[in-house]
Amino acid sequence: MGVSSKQVVGWLRGPATGNSAMGVYGLVTAMVALFVTYSTVATIAVAIPLLSTTAIVLTGLVVWVVLWAALDVAASYFLRDTQA
């Protein structure tokens, strides 16, 4: 019971590259990025006149939306069906 390369390419161009899938990939990437750079973000958040937690959450949301858009554009560019 093997998986052919045609099935893998079909899966990559299928629902796993939709807008919502890119949102999930972007969220996971943003969470990892925020985890890795948390001390820097927390240090900068102290200087902002907002609450520190508000600044950290807003930073996470902005990073998530930017990554979501970038991944969605990249997926539509690199994985588009050239047979159409």
Protein backbone atom coordinates (compact mmCIF):
# COMPACT_ATOMS: atom_id res chain seq x y z
CA MET A 1 0.00 0.00 0.00
CA GLY A 2 2.31 2.72 -1.26
CA VAL A 3 1.72 6.33 -2.11
CA SER A 4 2.57 7.48 -5.60
CA SER A 5 4.11 10.83 -6.41
CA LYS A 6 0.94 11.73 -8.32
CA GLN A 7 -1.11 11.27 -5.13
CA VAL A 8 1.34 13.41 -3.15
CA VAL A 9 1.24 16.22 -5.72
CA GLY A 10 -2.56 15.96 -5.80
CA TRP A 11 -2.66 16.28 -2.02
CA LEU A 12 -0.34 19.29 -2.09
CA ARG A 13 -2.64 21.01 -4.59
CA GLY A 14 -5.75 19.90 -2.74
CA PRO A 15 -7.34 21.11 0.49
CA ALA A 16 -3.99 21.29 2.31
CA THR A 17 -3.12 24.44 0.32
CA GLY A 18 -6.42 26.23 0.76
CA ASN A 19 -6.78 29.57 2.48
CA SER A 20 -7.73 28.05 5.83
CA ALA A 21 -4.84 25.57 5.73
CA MET A 22 -2.41 28.44 5.14
CA GLY A 23 -3.98 30.19 8.12
CA VAL A 24 -3.25 27.18 10.32
CA TYR A 25 0.31 26.93 9.00
CA GLY A 26 0.76 30.66 9.60
CA LEU A 27 -0.62 30.38 13.14
CA VAL A 28 1.74 27.56 14.03
CA THR A 29 4.69 29.44 12.52
CA ALA A 30 3.72 32.65 14.35
CA MET A 31 3.43 30.79 17.65
CA VAL A 32 6.89 29.27 17.20
CA ALA A 33 8.36 32.65 16.18
CA LEU A 34 6.79 34.38 19.18
CA PHE A 35 8.03 31.61 21.49
CA VAL A 36 11.58 31.92 20.17
CA THR A 37 11.64 35.73 20.35
CA TYR A 38 9.51 36.17 23.48
CA SER A 39 12.20 37.86 25.60
CA THR A 40 12.84 40.46 22.90
CA VAL A 41 9.13 41.09 22.35
CA ALA A 42 8.52 41.37 26.11
CA THR A 43 11.42 43.83 26.49
CA ILE A 44 10.08 46.02 23.69
CA ALA A 45 6.52 45.73 25.05
CA VAL A 46 7.59 47.38 28.31
CA ALA A 47 8.48 50.57 26.43
CA ILE A 48 5.07 50.76 24.72
CA PRO A 49 2.42 52.67 26.66
CA LEU A 50 -0.06 49.79 26.22
CA LEU A 51 -0.30 46.91 28.62
CA SER A 52 2.52 44.48 27.98
CA THR A 53 0.17 41.57 27.38
CA THR A 54 -1.86 43.63 24.92
CA ALA A 55 1.27 44.53 22.97
CA ILE A 56 2.42 40.90 22.92
CA VAL A 57 -0.97 39.66 21.71
CA LEU A 58 -1.17 42.37 19.04
CA THR A 59 2.33 41.48 17.87
CA GLY A 60 1.34 37.82 17.64
CA LEU A 61 -1.80 38.67 15.66
CA VAL A 62 0.07 40.90 13.23
CA VAL A 63 2.77 38.27 12.68
CA TRP A 64 0.07 35.61 12.14
CA VAL A 65 -1.85 37.64 9.56
CA VAL A 66 1.32 38.60 7.67
CA LEU A 67 2.52 34.98 7.61
CA TRP A 68 -0.94 33.78 6.55
CA ALA A 69 -0.98 36.19 3.62
CA ALA A 70 2.59 35.39 2.61
CA LEU A 71 2.03 31.62 2.74
CA ASP A 72 -1.25 31.93 0.83
CA VAL A 73 0.39 33.97 -1.93
CA ALA A 74 3.38 31.62 -2.08
CA ALA A 75 1.13 28.54 -2.26
CA SER A 76 -1.00 30.02 -5.01
CA TYR A 77 2.12 30.99 -6.96
CA PHE A 78 4.18 27.80 -6.57
CA LEU A 79 1.45 25.16 -6.45
CA ARG A 80 -0.95 26.40 -9.11
CA ASP A 81 -2.13 23.90 -11.65
CA THR A 82 -0.27 24.49 -14.92
CA GLN A 83 -2.50 22.10 -16.90
CA ALA A 84 -5.53 24.40 -16.93
